Amino acid sequence: MGFFKSGFTVLAAVALLSTQPAARSAPLDAPPPAAAPVLDRLPAVAINDNRQAAGTLAGGTLTLTLRARVGVWRPEGAGGPALPIEAFGEGAAPLTIPAPLIRVSEGTDVAATVRNELTSTMRVHGLCERSGTACAPIEIPAGETREVRFLAGKPGTYHYWATTTGMPLQFRAVGDTQLSGAFVVDPGRHRSESRPDLRNHRLDEPHARSVETDRERG
């Protein structure tokens, strides 16, 4: 008798479960929940034509303020795709690609302040005297600011760059590939207060070129 009671209980439970609506499972090819940043809340990234040098020159010292954060870049124009990208900007000015141009005369002191408004530690390379020796990178944790001061060094066309992935320049990931800018040291006009007229000047002209070694790149 007990056998029949237990059997009846099992059958009743199965019947009850069969009347409940089955939970819908997501298709196997359904994408995971989106975690992309809200693009309309990010600042726009402007195109830098490298015709305006950044910073303020006074008393033989260039004072420069840079910040890094995520912005929206539209490489194909206003109607093209919007890409979240890490970029540099000067002070409160818009973020730019390439990063703000640093251009000084030989012998100029450079006093740079760099703020990391990103969510990862940023390692900055190339903000140092160009003398043929290795440049020590600057580590800037998220939300922090670092100051650095150095002489411009030898005349030439160099660059500065940063990474948030810890990768070498040529292996940076998608997000930090645009954290790069030109650093030009002009010959002569030692500690001059004048700035070169860049309106009709291109950085790829022969007199502005300089071969930068791997050691100098930092």
N, C-alpha and C. Protein backbone atom coordinates (compact mmCIF):
# COMPACT_ATOMS: atom_id res chain seq x y z
N MET A 1 0.83 -1.20 0.00
CA MET A 1 0.00 0.00 0.00
C MET A 1 0.87 1.25 0.00
N GLY A 2 1.94 1.22 0.82
CA GLY A 2 2.84 2.36 0.85
C GLY A 2 3.47 2.60 -0.51
N PHE A 3 3.73 1.52 -1.26
CA PHE A 3 4.34 1.65 -2.58
C PHE A 3 3.46 2.45 -3.52
N PHE A 4 2.13 2.14 -3.48
CA PHE A 4 1.19 2.84 -4.35
C PHE A 4 1.07 4.32 -3.97
N LYS A 5 1.10 4.60 -2.63
CA LYS A 5 1.01 6.00 -2.21
C LYS A 5 2.20 6.80 -2.70
N SER A 6 3.40 6.25 -2.56
CA SER A 6 4.58 6.98 -3.00
C SER A 6 4.58 7.15 -4.51
N GLY A 7 4.14 6.13 -5.23
CA GLY A 7 4.07 6.24 -6.68
C GLY A 7 3.09 7.30 -7.11
N PHE A 8 1.93 7.39 -6.42
CA PHE A 8 0.93 8.40 -6.75
C PHE A 8 1.47 9.80 -6.50
N THR A 9 2.24 9.95 -5.38
CA THR A 9 2.83 11.26 -5.06
C THR A 9 3.78 11.73 -6.15
N VAL A 10 4.63 10.84 -6.64
CA VAL A 10 5.57 11.18 -7.70
C VAL A 10 4.85 11.58 -8.96
N LEU A 11 3.81 10.85 -9.34
CA LEU A 11 3.05 11.16 -10.56
C LEU A 11 2.37 12.52 -10.45
N ALA A 12 1.86 12.83 -9.23
CA ALA A 12 1.19 14.11 -9.03
C ALA A 12 2.19 15.26 -9.16
N ALA A 13 3.40 15.05 -8.64
CA ALA A 13 4.41 16.10 -8.72
C ALA A 13 4.82 16.35 -10.16
N VAL A 14 4.97 15.28 -10.95
CA VAL A 14 5.33 15.42 -12.36
C VAL A 14 4.24 16.14 -13.12
N ALA A 15 2.99 15.80 -12.82
CA ALA A 15 1.87 16.45 -13.49
C ALA A 15 1.82 17.94 -13.17
N LEU A 16 2.11 18.29 -11.89
CA LEU A 16 2.10 19.69 -11.49
C LEU A 16 3.18 20.48 -12.21
N LEU A 17 4.38 19.90 -12.32
CA LEU A 17 5.48 20.58 -12.98
C LEU A 17 5.21 20.77 -14.47
N SER A 18 4.53 19.82 -15.07
CA SER A 18 4.26 19.91 -16.51
C SER A 18 3.29 21.02 -16.84
N THR A 19 2.52 21.50 -15.84
CA THR A 19 1.55 22.57 -16.09
C THR A 19 2.20 23.95 -15.91
N GLN A 20 3.46 24.03 -15.38
CA GLN A 20 4.12 25.31 -15.18
C GLN A 20 4.77 25.76 -16.49
N PRO A 21 4.68 27.07 -16.82
CA PRO A 21 5.31 27.55 -18.05
C PRO A 21 6.82 27.41 -17.97
N ALA A 22 7.41 26.91 -19.02
CA ALA A 22 8.86 26.72 -19.05
C ALA A 22 9.56 28.05 -19.21
N ALA A 23 10.68 28.21 -18.47
CA ALA A 23 11.45 29.44 -18.60
C ALA A 23 12.13 29.50 -19.95
N ARG A 24 12.11 30.67 -20.58
CA ARG A 24 12.71 30.83 -21.89
C ARG A 24 14.21 30.99 -21.77
N SER A 25 14.91 30.19 -22.52
CA SER A 25 16.37 30.29 -22.52
C SER A 25 16.82 31.17 -23.68
N ALA A 26 17.93 31.88 -23.46
CA ALA A 26 18.43 32.76 -24.51
C ALA A 26 19.01 31.93 -25.63
N PRO A 27 18.88 32.40 -26.88
CA PRO A 27 19.48 31.69 -28.01
C PRO A 27 20.98 31.55 -27.81
N LEU A 28 21.55 30.48 -28.35
CA LEU A 28 22.97 30.23 -28.18
C LEU A 28 23.81 31.32 -28.82
N ASP A 29 23.28 31.95 -29.87
CA ASP A 29 24.05 32.97 -30.56
C ASP A 29 23.74 34.38 -30.06
N ALA A 30 23.00 34.49 -28.97
CA ALA A 30 22.66 35.81 -28.44
C ALA A 30 23.91 36.47 -27.87
N PRO A 31 24.14 37.78 -28.17
CA PRO A 31 25.32 38.46 -27.65
C PRO A 31 25.23 38.68 -26.16
N PRO A 32 26.35 38.80 -25.46
CA PRO A 32 26.32 39.06 -24.01
C PRO A 32 25.79 40.46 -23.76
N PRO A 33 25.36 40.76 -22.55
CA PRO A 33 24.86 42.10 -22.24
C PRO A 33 25.91 43.15 -22.57
N ALA A 34 25.46 44.25 -23.17
CA ALA A 34 26.38 45.31 -23.58
C ALA A 34 26.99 46.00 -22.37
N ALA A 35 28.29 46.29 -22.47
CA ALA A 35 28.98 46.98 -21.39
C ALA A 35 29.77 48.16 -21.94
N ALA A 36 29.40 48.63 -23.15
CA ALA A 36 30.11 49.73 -23.79
C ALA A 36 29.83 51.04 -23.07
N PRO A 37 30.79 51.96 -23.09
CA PRO A 37 30.56 53.24 -22.44
C PRO A 37 29.45 54.02 -23.14
N VAL A 38 28.83 54.91 -22.42
CA VAL A 38 27.78 55.73 -22.99
C VAL A 38 28.46 56.83 -23.80
N LEU A 39 28.44 56.69 -25.12
CA LEU A 39 29.22 57.57 -25.97
C LEU A 39 28.79 59.03 -25.89
N ASP A 40 27.48 59.25 -25.71
CA ASP A 40 27.03 60.64 -25.71
C ASP A 40 27.44 61.40 -24.46
N ARG A 41 28.00 60.71 -23.49
CA ARG A 41 28.48 61.38 -22.28
C ARG A 41 29.97 61.64 -22.31
N LEU A 42 30.64 61.17 -23.35
CA LEU A 42 32.08 61.35 -23.47
C LEU A 42 32.40 62.58 -24.31
N PRO A 43 33.50 63.27 -24.02
CA PRO A 43 33.88 64.45 -24.81
C PRO A 43 34.34 64.05 -26.20
N ALA A 44 34.17 64.95 -27.15
CA ALA A 44 34.61 64.69 -28.52
C ALA A 44 36.13 64.85 -28.61
N VAL A 45 36.74 64.05 -29.47
CA VAL A 45 38.17 64.13 -29.72
C VAL A 45 38.37 64.88 -31.04
N ALA A 46 39.14 65.97 -31.00
CA ALA A 46 39.38 66.79 -32.18
C ALA A 46 40.64 66.32 -32.92
N ILE A 47 40.75 66.72 -34.18
CA ILE A 47 41.93 66.41 -34.97
C ILE A 47 42.96 67.53 -34.79
N ASN A 48 44.19 67.16 -34.48
CA ASN A 48 45.27 68.11 -34.28
C ASN A 48 46.13 68.17 -35.55
N ASP A 49 46.21 69.34 -36.18
CA ASP A 49 47.01 69.46 -37.41
C ASP A 49 48.46 69.84 -37.12
N ASN A 50 48.85 69.86 -35.84
CA ASN A 50 50.23 70.13 -35.44
C ASN A 50 50.74 71.49 -35.94
N ARG A 51 49.86 72.48 -36.00
CA ARG A 51 50.26 73.82 -36.40
C ARG A 51 50.21 74.81 -35.24
N GLN A 52 49.86 74.30 -34.06
CA GLN A 52 49.81 75.14 -32.87
C GLN A 52 50.54 74.42 -31.75
N ALA A 53 51.65 75.01 -31.29
CA ALA A 53 52.42 74.39 -30.21
C ALA A 53 51.70 74.58 -28.88
N ALA A 54 51.78 73.58 -28.03
CA ALA A 54 51.10 73.62 -26.74
C ALA A 54 51.97 74.32 -25.70
N GLY A 55 51.33 74.73 -24.60
CA GLY A 55 52.05 75.30 -23.48
C GLY A 55 52.26 76.80 -23.58
N THR A 56 52.84 77.36 -22.53
CA THR A 56 53.14 78.79 -22.44
C THR A 56 54.63 78.98 -22.19
N LEU A 57 55.28 79.80 -23.02
CA LEU A 57 56.71 80.02 -22.89
C LEU A 57 56.97 81.36 -22.22
N ALA A 58 57.73 81.34 -21.12
CA ALA A 58 58.08 82.57 -20.40
C ALA A 58 59.37 82.34 -19.63
N GLY A 59 60.31 83.30 -19.73
CA GLY A 59 61.56 83.18 -18.99
C GLY A 59 62.39 81.97 -19.36
N GLY A 60 62.29 81.53 -20.61
CA GLY A 60 63.05 80.36 -21.05
C GLY A 60 62.47 79.03 -20.61
N THR A 61 61.25 79.05 -20.04
CA THR A 61 60.62 77.82 -19.57
C THR A 61 59.27 77.63 -20.25
N LEU A 62 59.06 76.44 -20.78
CA LEU A 62 57.75 76.08 -21.34
C LEU A 62 56.95 75.39 -20.25
N THR A 63 55.81 75.97 -19.88
CA THR A 63 54.92 75.36 -18.90
C THR A 63 53.79 74.67 -19.65
N LEU A 64 53.64 73.39 -19.40
CA LEU A 64 52.72 72.57 -20.18
C LEU A 64 51.86 71.73 -19.25
N THR A 65 50.55 71.69 -19.51
CA THR A 65 49.63 70.86 -18.73
C THR A 65 48.90 69.91 -19.68
N LEU A 66 49.04 68.62 -19.42
CA LEU A 66 48.38 67.60 -20.24
C LEU A 66 47.44 66.78 -19.37
N ARG A 67 46.40 66.27 -19.97
CA ARG A 67 45.52 65.34 -19.29
C ARG A 67 45.16 64.22 -20.26
N ALA A 68 44.89 63.04 -19.71
CA ALA A 68 44.50 61.89 -20.54
C ALA A 68 43.16 61.37 -20.04
N ARG A 69 42.24 61.16 -20.96
CA ARG A 69 40.96 60.58 -20.62
C ARG A 69 40.35 59.93 -21.85
N VAL A 70 39.19 59.31 -21.69
CA VAL A 70 38.50 58.67 -22.81
C VAL A 70 37.59 59.67 -23.48
N GLY A 71 37.63 59.70 -24.80
CA GLY A 71 36.75 60.55 -25.58
C GLY A 71 36.18 59.79 -26.76
N VAL A 72 35.36 60.47 -27.55
CA VAL A 72 34.75 59.87 -28.74
C VAL A 72 35.46 60.40 -29.97
N TRP A 73 36.01 59.50 -30.75
CA TRP A 73 36.73 59.85 -31.98
C TRP A 73 35.92 59.38 -33.18
N ARG A 74 35.76 60.28 -34.15
CA ARG A 74 35.08 59.94 -35.40
C ARG A 74 36.08 60.13 -36.54
N PRO A 75 36.90 59.12 -36.81
CA PRO A 75 37.97 59.27 -37.81
C PRO A 75 37.46 59.51 -39.22
N GLU A 76 36.20 59.16 -39.52
CA GLU A 76 35.65 59.34 -40.87
C GLU A 76 34.73 60.55 -40.95
N GLY A 77 34.77 61.41 -39.93
CA GLY A 77 33.93 62.59 -39.96
C GLY A 77 32.69 62.45 -39.09
N ALA A 78 31.90 63.53 -39.04
CA ALA A 78 30.74 63.56 -38.16
C ALA A 78 29.73 62.46 -38.45
N GLY A 79 29.64 62.03 -39.71
CA GLY A 79 28.67 60.99 -40.05
C GLY A 79 29.21 59.59 -39.95
N GLY A 80 30.48 59.44 -39.56
CA GLY A 80 31.09 58.12 -39.49
C GLY A 80 30.91 57.47 -38.13
N PRO A 81 31.47 56.29 -37.96
CA PRO A 81 31.35 55.57 -36.69
C PRO A 81 32.03 56.31 -35.55
N ALA A 82 31.49 56.16 -34.35
CA ALA A 82 32.05 56.78 -33.15
C ALA A 82 32.84 55.74 -32.37
N LEU A 83 34.07 56.04 -32.04
CA LEU A 83 34.94 55.10 -31.35
C LEU A 83 35.40 55.68 -30.01
N PRO A 84 35.17 54.96 -28.91
CA PRO A 84 35.74 55.41 -27.63
C PRO A 84 37.24 55.16 -27.65
N ILE A 85 38.03 56.19 -27.34
CA ILE A 85 39.48 56.08 -27.44
C ILE A 85 40.13 56.92 -26.35
N GLU A 86 41.28 56.47 -25.88
CA GLU A 86 42.05 57.25 -24.91
C GLU A 86 42.89 58.28 -25.66
N ALA A 87 42.89 59.52 -25.16
CA ALA A 87 43.60 60.59 -25.86
C ALA A 87 44.10 61.63 -24.87
N PHE A 88 45.08 62.41 -25.32
CA PHE A 88 45.62 63.52 -24.54
C PHE A 88 44.93 64.82 -24.94
N GLY A 89 44.87 65.74 -23.99
CA GLY A 89 44.41 67.10 -24.26
C GLY A 89 45.27 68.06 -23.46
N GLU A 90 45.30 69.32 -23.89
CA GLU A 90 46.05 70.33 -23.16
C GLU A 90 45.13 71.08 -22.22
N GLY A 91 45.39 71.00 -20.92
CA GLY A 91 44.57 71.70 -19.94
C GLY A 91 43.10 71.35 -20.09
N ALA A 92 42.26 72.40 -20.19
CA ALA A 92 40.83 72.20 -20.34
C ALA A 92 40.40 72.17 -21.81
N ALA A 93 41.36 72.26 -22.73
CA ALA A 93 41.05 72.23 -24.16
C ALA A 93 40.58 70.83 -24.57
N PRO A 94 39.98 70.70 -25.75
CA PRO A 94 39.52 69.38 -26.19
C PRO A 94 40.64 68.36 -26.31
N LEU A 95 40.31 67.10 -26.14
CA LEU A 95 41.24 66.02 -26.42
C LEU A 95 41.56 66.05 -27.91
N THR A 96 42.78 65.65 -28.27
CA THR A 96 43.17 65.69 -29.68
C THR A 96 43.92 64.43 -30.09
N ILE A 97 43.83 64.14 -31.38
CA ILE A 97 44.62 63.09 -32.03
C ILE A 97 45.25 63.73 -33.27
N PRO A 98 46.59 63.75 -33.36
CA PRO A 98 47.57 63.34 -32.37
C PRO A 98 47.50 64.19 -31.09
N ALA A 99 48.28 63.81 -30.10
CA ALA A 99 48.33 64.56 -28.85
C ALA A 99 48.91 65.95 -29.10
N PRO A 100 48.72 66.88 -28.16
CA PRO A 100 49.23 68.25 -28.33
C PRO A 100 50.71 68.28 -28.72
N LEU A 101 51.03 69.17 -29.66
CA LEU A 101 52.40 69.31 -30.14
C LEU A 101 53.27 70.04 -29.10
N ILE A 102 54.39 69.43 -28.75
CA ILE A 102 55.39 70.10 -27.91
C ILE A 102 56.50 70.56 -28.83
N ARG A 103 56.69 71.88 -28.92
CA ARG A 103 57.74 72.41 -29.81
C ARG A 103 58.46 73.55 -29.12
N VAL A 104 59.76 73.39 -28.94
CA VAL A 104 60.56 74.37 -28.21
C VAL A 104 61.90 74.55 -28.92
N SER A 105 62.65 75.55 -28.48
CA SER A 105 64.00 75.77 -28.98
C SER A 105 65.00 75.00 -28.11
N GLU A 106 66.14 74.73 -28.70
CA GLU A 106 67.21 74.05 -27.99
C GLU A 106 67.56 74.79 -26.71
N GLY A 107 67.68 74.06 -25.60
CA GLY A 107 68.04 74.65 -24.33
C GLY A 107 66.88 75.12 -23.49
N THR A 108 65.65 74.98 -23.99
CA THR A 108 64.48 75.41 -23.23
C THR A 108 64.20 74.46 -22.07
N ASP A 109 63.84 75.01 -20.92
CA ASP A 109 63.37 74.19 -19.80
C ASP A 109 61.91 73.84 -20.06
N VAL A 110 61.54 72.61 -19.80
CA VAL A 110 60.16 72.16 -19.97
C VAL A 110 59.63 71.72 -18.61
N ALA A 111 58.56 72.35 -18.17
CA ALA A 111 57.90 71.99 -16.90
C ALA A 111 56.52 71.45 -17.26
N ALA A 112 56.36 70.13 -17.20
CA ALA A 112 55.12 69.49 -17.63
C ALA A 112 54.36 68.90 -16.45
N THR A 113 53.05 69.08 -16.47
CA THR A 113 52.14 68.46 -15.50
C THR A 113 51.21 67.55 -16.27
N VAL A 114 51.14 66.29 -15.88
CA VAL A 114 50.32 65.31 -16.59
C VAL A 114 49.33 64.69 -15.61
N ARG A 115 48.04 64.77 -15.94
CA ARG A 115 46.99 64.18 -15.11
C ARG A 115 46.37 62.98 -15.83
N ASN A 116 46.21 61.89 -15.09
CA ASN A 116 45.60 60.68 -15.62
C ASN A 116 44.14 60.60 -15.19
N GLU A 117 43.22 60.90 -16.10
CA GLU A 117 41.79 60.82 -15.82
C GLU A 117 41.18 59.52 -16.32
N LEU A 118 42.04 58.55 -16.59
CA LEU A 118 41.60 57.23 -17.03
C LEU A 118 41.39 56.32 -15.82
N THR A 119 40.93 55.10 -16.07
CA THR A 119 40.66 54.17 -14.97
C THR A 119 41.81 53.20 -14.73
N SER A 120 42.86 53.31 -15.54
CA SER A 120 44.02 52.43 -15.39
C SER A 120 45.29 53.25 -15.21
N THR A 121 46.31 52.65 -14.64
CA THR A 121 47.60 53.31 -14.53
C THR A 121 48.14 53.59 -15.92
N MET A 122 48.71 54.78 -16.09
CA MET A 122 49.27 55.18 -17.38
C MET A 122 50.77 55.34 -17.26
N ARG A 123 51.50 54.80 -18.21
CA ARG A 123 52.94 54.93 -18.26
C ARG A 123 53.31 55.83 -19.43
N VAL A 124 53.94 56.98 -19.12
CA VAL A 124 54.25 57.97 -20.15
C VAL A 124 55.73 57.90 -20.50
N HIS A 125 56.01 57.83 -21.79
CA HIS A 125 57.38 57.77 -22.30
C HIS A 125 57.71 59.05 -23.08
N GLY A 126 58.95 59.47 -23.05
CA GLY A 126 59.42 60.53 -23.93
C GLY A 126 59.39 61.93 -23.38
N LEU A 127 58.88 62.14 -22.17
CA LEU A 127 58.90 63.47 -21.57
C LEU A 127 60.18 63.60 -20.76
N CYS A 128 61.29 63.85 -21.47
CA CYS A 128 62.60 63.91 -20.84
C CYS A 128 63.57 64.57 -21.80
N GLU A 129 64.77 64.88 -21.30
CA GLU A 129 65.79 65.50 -22.15
C GLU A 129 66.24 64.53 -23.22
N ARG A 130 66.31 65.01 -24.45
CA ARG A 130 66.76 64.17 -25.55
C ARG A 130 68.26 64.36 -25.72
N SER A 131 68.99 63.43 -25.14
CA SER A 131 70.45 63.52 -25.16
C SER A 131 71.10 62.24 -25.65
N GLY A 132 70.31 61.31 -26.14
CA GLY A 132 70.85 60.03 -26.61
C GLY A 132 70.80 58.93 -25.57
N THR A 133 70.46 59.26 -24.33
CA THR A 133 70.34 58.25 -23.28
C THR A 133 68.88 57.84 -23.13
N ALA A 134 68.67 56.71 -22.47
CA ALA A 134 67.31 56.19 -22.30
C ALA A 134 66.45 57.13 -21.47
N CYS A 135 65.18 57.23 -21.85
CA CYS A 135 64.22 58.05 -21.11
C CYS A 135 63.48 57.19 -20.10
N ALA A 136 63.51 57.57 -18.84
CA ALA A 136 62.77 56.83 -17.82
C ALA A 136 61.29 57.16 -17.94
N PRO A 137 60.40 56.16 -18.01
CA PRO A 137 58.96 56.43 -18.11
C PRO A 137 58.41 56.97 -16.80
N ILE A 138 57.27 57.61 -16.88
CA ILE A 138 56.59 58.18 -15.73
C ILE A 138 55.33 57.36 -15.46
N GLU A 139 55.22 56.78 -14.27
CA GLU A 139 54.04 56.00 -13.90
C GLU A 139 53.02 56.92 -13.21
N ILE A 140 51.80 56.95 -13.74
CA ILE A 140 50.75 57.80 -13.17
C ILE A 140 49.52 56.95 -12.88
N PRO A 141 49.24 56.64 -11.63
CA PRO A 141 48.03 55.87 -11.30
C PRO A 141 46.77 56.61 -11.72
N ALA A 142 45.69 55.87 -11.85
CA ALA A 142 44.41 56.46 -12.23
C ALA A 142 44.00 57.56 -11.25
N GLY A 143 43.58 58.70 -11.80
CA GLY A 143 43.11 59.80 -10.98
C GLY A 143 44.20 60.64 -10.35
N GLU A 144 45.46 60.38 -10.68
CA GLU A 144 46.56 61.12 -10.07
C GLU A 144 47.30 61.99 -11.08
N THR A 145 48.15 62.86 -10.56
CA THR A 145 48.90 63.82 -11.38
C THR A 145 50.38 63.72 -11.07
N ARG A 146 51.19 63.87 -12.08
CA ARG A 146 52.65 63.88 -11.90
C ARG A 146 53.23 65.11 -12.59
N GLU A 147 54.32 65.64 -12.01
CA GLU A 147 55.03 66.77 -12.58
C GLU A 147 56.44 66.34 -12.94
N VAL A 148 56.94 66.87 -14.05
CA VAL A 148 58.29 66.53 -14.49
C VAL A 148 58.92 67.78 -15.10
N ARG A 149 60.23 67.94 -14.91
CA ARG A 149 60.94 69.11 -15.43
C ARG A 149 62.25 68.63 -16.04
N PHE A 150 62.57 69.17 -17.23
CA PHE A 150 63.77 68.74 -17.93
C PHE A 150 64.14 69.77 -19.00
N LEU A 151 65.40 69.70 -19.47
CA LEU A 151 65.84 70.50 -20.60
C LEU A 151 65.43 69.82 -21.89
N ALA A 152 65.17 70.62 -22.92
CA ALA A 152 64.67 70.05 -24.18
C ALA A 152 65.67 69.09 -24.82
N GLY A 153 66.97 69.41 -24.73
CA GLY A 153 67.96 68.50 -25.30
C GLY A 153 68.34 68.85 -26.73
N LYS A 154 68.84 67.85 -27.46
CA LYS A 154 69.35 68.05 -28.81
C LYS A 154 68.24 68.39 -29.80
N PRO A 155 68.55 69.22 -30.82
CA PRO A 155 67.56 69.51 -31.86
C PRO A 155 67.16 68.23 -32.59
N GLY A 156 65.90 68.15 -32.95
CA GLY A 156 65.40 66.98 -33.67
C GLY A 156 63.90 66.85 -33.55
N THR A 157 63.35 65.90 -34.27
CA THR A 157 61.92 65.61 -34.22
C THR A 157 61.74 64.29 -33.50
N TYR A 158 61.08 64.33 -32.35
CA TYR A 158 60.89 63.15 -31.51
C TYR A 158 59.39 62.93 -31.28
N HIS A 159 59.07 62.08 -30.34
CA HIS A 159 57.67 61.93 -29.96
C HIS A 159 57.57 61.49 -28.50
N TYR A 160 56.39 61.70 -27.94
CA TYR A 160 56.09 61.18 -26.60
C TYR A 160 54.84 60.33 -26.73
N TRP A 161 54.71 59.34 -25.86
CA TRP A 161 53.58 58.43 -25.96
C TRP A 161 53.30 57.80 -24.61
N ALA A 162 52.15 57.18 -24.50
CA ALA A 162 51.75 56.55 -23.24
C ALA A 162 51.03 55.25 -23.50
N THR A 163 50.99 54.41 -22.49
CA THR A 163 50.26 53.15 -22.57
C THR A 163 49.53 52.89 -21.26
N THR A 164 48.36 52.30 -21.37
CA THR A 164 47.61 51.87 -20.18
C THR A 164 47.56 50.35 -20.08
N THR A 165 48.24 49.69 -21.00
CA THR A 165 48.28 48.23 -20.99
C THR A 165 49.67 47.71 -20.64
N GLY A 166 50.66 48.62 -20.53
CA GLY A 166 52.01 48.20 -20.22
C GLY A 166 52.76 47.61 -21.39
N MET A 167 52.18 47.74 -22.60
CA MET A 167 52.79 47.14 -23.77
C MET A 167 53.75 48.11 -24.44
N PRO A 168 54.75 47.59 -25.19
CA PRO A 168 55.63 48.46 -25.98
C PRO A 168 54.83 49.23 -27.02
N LEU A 169 55.44 50.27 -27.57
CA LEU A 169 54.74 51.15 -28.51
C LEU A 169 54.07 50.38 -29.64
N GLN A 170 54.78 49.47 -30.27
CA GLN A 170 54.25 48.78 -31.44
C GLN A 170 53.23 47.71 -31.10
N PHE A 171 53.05 47.39 -29.81
CA PHE A 171 52.10 46.35 -29.43
C PHE A 171 50.97 46.87 -28.55
N ARG A 172 50.77 48.17 -28.53
CA ARG A 172 49.68 48.72 -27.72
C ARG A 172 48.33 48.19 -28.20
N ALA A 173 47.38 48.11 -27.27
CA ALA A 173 46.04 47.63 -27.61
C ALA A 173 45.26 48.75 -28.31
N VAL A 174 44.01 48.46 -28.64
CA VAL A 174 43.20 49.42 -29.38
C VAL A 174 42.97 50.69 -28.59
N GLY A 175 42.68 50.58 -27.30
CA GLY A 175 42.26 51.73 -26.51
C GLY A 175 43.30 52.80 -26.35
N ASP A 176 44.61 52.45 -26.26
CA ASP A 176 45.64 53.45 -25.98
C ASP A 176 46.53 53.77 -27.17
N THR A 177 46.16 53.33 -28.36
CA THR A 177 47.02 53.53 -29.53
C THR A 177 47.16 54.99 -29.95
N GLN A 178 46.26 55.86 -29.51
CA GLN A 178 46.32 57.26 -29.92
C GLN A 178 46.93 58.17 -28.86
N LEU A 179 47.51 57.59 -27.83
CA LEU A 179 48.18 58.39 -26.81
C LEU A 179 49.60 58.69 -27.27
N SER A 180 49.73 59.49 -28.32
CA SER A 180 51.04 59.80 -28.91
C SER A 180 51.02 61.22 -29.47
N GLY A 181 52.16 61.92 -29.34
CA GLY A 181 52.27 63.26 -29.87
C GLY A 181 53.69 63.58 -30.28
N ALA A 182 53.85 64.64 -31.07
CA ALA A 182 55.17 65.06 -31.54
C ALA A 182 55.87 65.94 -30.51
N PHE A 183 57.18 65.78 -30.45
CA PHE A 183 58.03 66.58 -29.56
C PHE A 183 59.19 67.07 -30.41
N VAL A 184 59.18 68.36 -30.76
CA VAL A 184 60.17 68.93 -31.68
C VAL A 184 61.06 69.91 -30.94
N VAL A 185 62.37 69.77 -31.13
CA VAL A 185 63.35 70.70 -30.58
C VAL A 185 64.04 71.39 -31.75
N ASP A 186 63.83 72.70 -31.87
CA ASP A 186 64.42 73.48 -32.95
C ASP A 186 65.82 73.96 -32.58
N PRO A 187 66.74 74.03 -33.54
CA PRO A 187 68.08 74.54 -33.25
C PRO A 187 68.07 76.05 -33.11
N GLY A 188 69.05 76.59 -32.37
CA GLY A 188 69.20 78.03 -32.24
C GLY A 188 68.13 78.65 -31.36
N ARG A 189 68.09 80.00 -31.38
CA ARG A 189 67.14 80.77 -30.58
C ARG A 189 67.15 80.29 -29.14
N HIS A 190 68.33 80.04 -28.61
CA HIS A 190 68.50 79.47 -27.26
C HIS A 190 67.72 80.27 -26.22
N ARG A 191 66.79 79.58 -25.52
CA ARG A 191 65.97 80.20 -24.49
C ARG A 191 65.18 81.40 -25.01
N SER A 192 64.83 81.38 -26.29
CA SER A 192 64.10 82.51 -26.87
C SER A 192 62.65 82.52 -26.41
N GLU A 193 62.09 83.73 -26.33
CA GLU A 193 60.69 83.86 -25.95
C GLU A 193 59.78 83.72 -27.17
N SER A 194 60.37 83.73 -28.36
CA SER A 194 59.56 83.64 -29.58
C SER A 194 59.23 82.19 -29.88
N ARG A 195 58.11 81.97 -30.53
CA ARG A 195 57.70 80.64 -30.95
C ARG A 195 57.71 80.58 -32.47
N PRO A 196 58.10 79.48 -33.09
CA PRO A 196 58.12 79.40 -34.55
C PRO A 196 56.71 79.50 -35.13
N ASP A 197 56.62 80.12 -36.32
CA ASP A 197 55.34 80.22 -37.02
C ASP A 197 55.09 78.89 -37.73
N LEU A 198 54.07 78.17 -37.31
CA LEU A 198 53.82 76.83 -37.85
C LEU A 198 52.70 76.80 -38.87
N ARG A 199 52.17 77.95 -39.23
CA ARG A 199 50.99 77.96 -40.10
C ARG A 199 51.27 77.34 -41.46
N ASN A 200 52.48 77.52 -41.99
CA ASN A 200 52.81 76.96 -43.30
C ASN A 200 53.96 75.97 -43.20
N HIS A 201 54.04 75.30 -42.06
CA HIS A 201 55.15 74.39 -41.81
C HIS A 201 54.62 72.99 -41.53
N ARG A 202 55.30 72.00 -42.10
CA ARG A 202 54.92 70.61 -41.86
C ARG A 202 56.07 69.91 -41.15
N LEU A 203 55.71 69.01 -40.24
CA LEU A 203 56.75 68.33 -39.46
C LEU A 203 57.55 67.35 -40.30
N ASP A 204 57.07 67.00 -41.51
CA ASP A 204 57.80 66.03 -42.31
C ASP A 204 58.74 66.71 -43.32
N GLU A 205 58.95 68.05 -43.19
CA GLU A 205 59.92 68.70 -44.06
C GLU A 205 61.32 68.23 -43.70
N PRO A 206 62.23 68.18 -44.69
CA PRO A 206 63.57 67.60 -44.43
C PRO A 206 64.30 68.23 -43.27
N HIS A 207 64.23 69.57 -43.10
CA HIS A 207 65.01 70.20 -42.04
C HIS A 207 64.45 69.90 -40.66
N ALA A 208 63.25 69.30 -40.58
CA ALA A 208 62.66 69.00 -39.28
C ALA A 208 62.82 67.55 -38.89
N ARG A 209 63.44 66.75 -39.77
CA ARG A 209 63.52 65.33 -39.50
C ARG A 209 64.71 64.99 -38.60
N SER A 210 64.54 63.92 -37.86
CA SER A 210 65.63 63.42 -37.03
C SER A 210 65.40 61.95 -36.79
N VAL A 211 66.46 61.17 -36.89
CA VAL A 211 66.33 59.74 -36.63
C VAL A 211 66.35 59.51 -35.13
N GLU A 212 65.31 58.88 -34.61
CA GLU A 212 65.21 58.65 -33.17
C GLU A 212 65.50 57.19 -32.89
N THR A 213 66.50 56.92 -32.09
CA THR A 213 66.88 55.55 -31.79
C THR A 213 65.91 54.92 -30.81
N ASP A 214 65.93 53.59 -30.74
CA ASP A 214 65.07 52.87 -29.78
C ASP A 214 65.38 53.30 -28.37
N ARG A 215 66.63 53.56 -28.05
CA ARG A 215 67.01 53.96 -26.70
C ARG A 215 66.39 55.32 -26.37
N GLU A 216 66.41 56.25 -27.32
CA GLU A 216 65.85 57.58 -27.06
C GLU A 216 64.35 57.54 -26.92
N ARG A 217 63.71 56.58 -27.58
CA ARG A 217 62.25 56.50 -27.51
C ARG A 217 61.80 56.17 -26.09
N GLY A 218 62.60 55.46 -25.35
CA GLY A 218 62.25 55.12 -23.96
C GLY A 218 61.32 53.96 -23.91
